[in-house]
Amino acid sequence: MELENEDGTGQKEPNDAKAMKKELNDRFRELDTFLNKRVLPSIGSLAEEMGGRLETLEQTSADLSKALKREQQAKFNKMRDDILRENLVMVERTESVETSLHADMLEQKKQVNSLRKDVTD
């Protein structure tokens, strides 16, 4: 970078260059101080807060997953119990029909035996 002195000749002036270098170093130190004292701590606290929120979200997700599994298990258990109840009712009806048919069959056997007896007599 070419530095101009006051008379505009384009000659480098060591004192001006040193002053500019000192000013740039001072600004850099100020910026570094600002970053280290304000920005980085803010970023750190935000990161901690976001980490805490993430943990909360993960826990909430796990809780919801458990609740959903319990709800699904409860629905499954209810469906299974309903099916078992219906099957029991069907078995009872079937047994009732079998008993009734067996009684009818015995009655018909008696009638057939009675008719045979009448025919043979």
C-alpha atoms as a PDB file:
ATOM      1  CA  MET A   1       0.000   0.000   0.000  1.00  0.00           C
ATOM      2  CA  GLU A   2       1.431   3.344  -1.046  1.00  0.00           C
ATOM      3  CA  LEU A   3       1.231   6.045   1.581  1.00  0.00           C
ATOM      4  CA  GLU A   4       1.207   9.704   0.659  1.00  0.00           C
ATOM      5  CA  ASN A   5       2.710  12.371   2.830  1.00  0.00           C
ATOM      6  CA  GLU A   6       1.252  15.814   3.333  1.00  0.00           C
ATOM      7  CA  ASP A   7       2.840  17.285   0.219  1.00  0.00           C
ATOM      8  CA  GLY A   8       1.317  14.533  -1.998  1.00  0.00           C
ATOM      9  CA  THR A   9       4.594  13.238  -3.407  1.00  0.00           C
ATOM     10  CA  GLY A  10       3.804   9.589  -2.674  1.00  0.00           C
ATOM     11  CA  GLN A  11       6.841   9.120  -0.508  1.00  0.00           C
ATOM     12  CA  LYS A  12       6.464   6.719   2.408  1.00  0.00           C
ATOM     13  CA  GLU A  13       6.733   8.393   5.756  1.00  0.00           C
ATOM     14  CA  PRO A  14       7.855   6.028   8.488  1.00  0.00           C
ATOM     15  CA  ASN A  15       6.012   7.909  11.235  1.00  0.00           C
ATOM     16  CA  ASP A  16       2.681   7.734   9.360  1.00  0.00           C
ATOM     17  CA  ALA A  17       3.127   4.010   8.708  1.00  0.00           C
ATOM     18  CA  LYS A  18       3.938   3.366  12.354  1.00  0.00           C
ATOM     19  CA  ALA A  19       0.919   5.380  13.426  1.00  0.00           C
ATOM     20  CA  MET A  20      -1.356   3.461  11.055  1.00  0.00           C
ATOM     21  CA  LYS A  21       0.088   0.136  12.184  1.00  0.00           C
ATOM     22  CA  LYS A  22      -0.468   1.128  15.826  1.00  0.00           C
ATOM     23  CA  GLU A  23      -4.036   2.223  15.040  1.00  0.00           C
ATOM     24  CA  LEU A  24      -4.733  -1.075  13.233  1.00  0.00           C
ATOM     25  CA  ASN A  25      -3.227  -3.056  16.124  1.00  0.00           C
ATOM     26  CA  ASP A  26      -5.321  -1.056  18.602  1.00  0.00           C
ATOM     27  CA  ARG A  27      -8.486  -1.694  16.594  1.00  0.00           C
ATOM     28  CA  PHE A  28      -7.630  -5.361  16.304  1.00  0.00           C
ATOM     29  CA  ARG A  29      -7.115  -5.564  20.096  1.00  0.00           C
ATOM     30  CA  GLU A  30     -10.452  -3.791  20.662  1.00  0.00           C
ATOM     31  CA  LEU A  31     -12.185  -6.172  18.295  1.00  0.00           C
ATOM     32  CA  ASP A  32     -10.476  -9.165  19.915  1.00  0.00           C
ATOM     33  CA  THR A  33     -11.475  -7.906  23.375  1.00  0.00           C
ATOM     34  CA  PHE A  34     -15.047  -7.340  22.214  1.00  0.00           C
ATOM     35  CA  LEU A  35     -15.210 -10.832  20.723  1.00  0.00           C
ATOM     36  CA  ASN A  36     -13.689 -12.496  23.794  1.00  0.00           C
ATOM     37  CA  LYS A  37     -15.668 -10.550  26.397  1.00  0.00           C
ATOM     38  CA  ARG A  38     -19.054 -10.167  24.719  1.00  0.00           C
ATOM     39  CA  VAL A  39     -19.620 -12.265  21.632  1.00  0.00           C
ATOM     40  CA  LEU A  40     -18.013 -15.572  22.629  1.00  0.00           C
ATOM     41  CA  PRO A  41     -19.622 -15.666  26.104  1.00  0.00           C
ATOM     42  CA  SER A  42     -22.978 -14.897  24.487  1.00  0.00           C
ATOM     43  CA  ILE A  43     -22.457 -17.677  21.985  1.00  0.00           C
ATOM     44  CA  GLY A  44     -21.420 -20.003  24.813  1.00  0.00           C
ATOM     45  CA  SER A  45     -24.500 -19.219  26.889  1.00  0.00           C
ATOM     46  CA  LEU A  46     -26.724 -19.619  23.829  1.00  0.00           C
ATOM     47  CA  ALA A  47     -25.079 -22.959  23.094  1.00  0.00           C
ATOM     48  CA  GLU A  48     -25.683 -24.075  26.686  1.00  0.00           C
ATOM     49  CA  GLU A  49     -29.301 -22.934  26.503  1.00  0.00           C
ATOM     50  CA  MET A  50     -29.805 -24.722  23.197  1.00  0.00           C
ATOM     51  CA  GLY A  51     -28.170 -27.834  24.652  1.00  0.00           C
ATOM     52  CA  GLY A  52     -30.613 -27.687  27.554  1.00  0.00           C
ATOM     53  CA  ARG A  53     -33.507 -27.260  25.162  1.00  0.00           C
ATOM     54  CA  LEU A  54     -32.272 -30.157  23.085  1.00  0.00           C
ATOM     55  CA  GLU A  55     -32.126 -32.385  26.175  1.00  0.00           C
ATOM     56  CA  THR A  56     -35.663 -31.300  27.070  1.00  0.00           C
ATOM     57  CA  LEU A  57     -36.859 -32.067  23.537  1.00  0.00           C
ATOM     58  CA  GLU A  58     -35.155 -35.459  23.604  1.00  0.00           C
ATOM     59  CA  GLN A  59     -36.789 -36.279  26.951  1.00  0.00           C
ATOM     60  CA  THR A  60     -40.176 -35.080  25.707  1.00  0.00           C
ATOM     61  CA  SER A  61     -39.777 -37.187  22.581  1.00  0.00           C
ATOM     62  CA  ALA A  62     -38.888 -40.243  24.676  1.00  0.00           C
ATOM     63  CA  ASP A  63     -41.876 -39.616  26.983  1.00  0.00           C
ATOM     64  CA  LEU A  64     -44.229 -39.260  24.016  1.00  0.00           C
ATOM     65  CA  SER A  65     -42.825 -42.426  22.476  1.00  0.00           C
ATOM     66  CA  LYS A  66     -43.432 -44.343  25.727  1.00  0.00           C
ATOM     67  CA  ALA A  67     -46.954 -42.907  26.013  1.00  0.00           C
ATOM     68  CA  LEU A  68     -47.698 -43.881  22.418  1.00  0.00           C
ATOM     69  CA  LYS A  69     -46.411 -47.413  23.019  1.00  0.00           C
ATOM     70  CA  ARG A  70     -48.575 -47.687  26.162  1.00  0.00           C
ATOM     71  CA  GLU A  71     -51.603 -46.412  24.241  1.00  0.00           C
ATOM     72  CA  GLN A  72     -50.957 -48.841  21.381  1.00  0.00           C
ATOM     73  CA  GLN A  73     -50.512 -51.692  23.867  1.00  0.00           C
ATOM     74  CA  ALA A  74     -53.762 -50.735  25.615  1.00  0.00           C
ATOM     75  CA  LYS A  75     -55.613 -50.683  22.269  1.00  0.00           C
ATOM     76  CA  PHE A  76     -54.095 -54.019  21.328  1.00  0.00           C
ATOM     77  CA  ASN A  77     -55.064 -55.523  24.703  1.00  0.00           C
ATOM     78  CA  LYS A  78     -58.639 -54.243  24.335  1.00  0.00           C
ATOM     79  CA  MET A  79     -58.933 -55.659  20.806  1.00  0.00           C
ATOM     80  CA  ARG A  80     -57.520 -58.993  21.980  1.00  0.00           C
ATOM     81  CA  ASP A  81     -59.928 -59.097  24.932  1.00  0.00           C
ATOM     82  CA  ASP A  82     -62.875 -58.225  22.667  1.00  0.00           C
ATOM     83  CA  ILE A  83     -61.908 -61.013  20.254  1.00  0.00           C
ATOM     84  CA  LEU A  84     -61.495 -63.502  23.089  1.00  0.00           C
ATOM     85  CA  ARG A  85     -64.885 -62.484  24.499  1.00  0.00           C
ATOM     86  CA  GLU A  86     -66.525 -62.906  21.082  1.00  0.00           C
ATOM     87  CA  ASN A  87     -64.848 -66.294  20.657  1.00  0.00           C
ATOM     88  CA  LEU A  88     -66.110 -67.388  24.073  1.00  0.00           C
ATOM     89  CA  VAL A  89     -69.640 -66.350  23.146  1.00  0.00           C
ATOM     90  CA  MET A  90     -69.349 -68.293  19.875  1.00  0.00           C
ATOM     91  CA  VAL A  91     -68.052 -71.367  21.710  1.00  0.00           C
ATOM     92  CA  GLU A  92     -70.937 -71.160  24.200  1.00  0.00           C
ATOM     93  CA  ARG A  93     -73.463 -70.820  21.358  1.00  0.00           C
ATOM     94  CA  THR A  94     -71.856 -73.723  19.511  1.00  0.00           C
ATOM     95  CA  GLU A  95     -71.991 -75.885  22.639  1.00  0.00           C
ATOM     96  CA  SER A  96     -75.628 -74.916  23.123  1.00  0.00           C
ATOM     97  CA  VAL A  97     -76.448 -75.834  19.535  1.00  0.00           C
ATOM     98  CA  GLU A  98     -74.531 -79.120  19.877  1.00  0.00           C
ATOM     99  CA  THR A  99     -76.433 -79.963  23.058  1.00  0.00           C
ATOM    100  CA  SER A 100     -79.721 -79.123  21.411  1.00  0.00           C
ATOM    101  CA  LEU A 101     -78.845 -81.171  18.319  1.00  0.00           C
ATOM    102  CA  HIS A 102     -77.736 -84.086  20.481  1.00  0.00           C
ATOM    103  CA  ALA A 103     -81.034 -83.946  22.372  1.00  0.00           C
ATOM    104  CA  ASP A 104     -82.970 -83.810  19.073  1.00  0.00           C
ATOM    105  CA  MET A 105     -80.931 -86.734  17.745  1.00  0.00           C
ATOM    106  CA  LEU A 106     -81.689 -88.803  20.855  1.00  0.00           C
ATOM    107  CA  GLU A 107     -85.375 -87.966  20.517  1.00  0.00           C
ATOM    108  CA  GLN A 108     -85.307 -88.965  16.852  1.00  0.00           C
ATOM    109  CA  LYS A 109     -83.546 -92.234  17.767  1.00  0.00           C
ATOM    110  CA  LYS A 110     -86.282 -92.951  20.270  1.00  0.00           C
ATOM    111  CA  GLN A 111     -88.915 -92.253  17.642  1.00  0.00           C
ATOM    112  CA  VAL A 112     -87.109 -94.424  15.084  1.00  0.00           C
ATOM    113  CA  ASN A 113     -86.777 -97.240  17.642  1.00  0.00           C
ATOM    114  CA  SER A 114     -90.412 -96.840  18.539  1.00  0.00           C
ATOM    115  CA  LEU A 115     -91.428 -97.011  14.880  1.00  0.00           C
ATOM    116  CA  ARG A 116     -89.246-100.080  14.369  1.00  0.00           C
ATOM    117  CA  LYS A 117     -90.858-101.706  17.325  1.00  0.00           C
ATOM    118  CA  ASP A 118     -94.303-100.908  15.972  1.00  0.00           C
ATOM    119  CA  VAL A 119     -93.373-102.280  12.559  1.00  0.00           C
ATOM    120  CA  THR A 120     -91.883-105.491  13.929  1.00  0.00           C
ATOM    121  CA  ASP A 121     -94.797-106.119  16.247  1.00  0.00           C
END
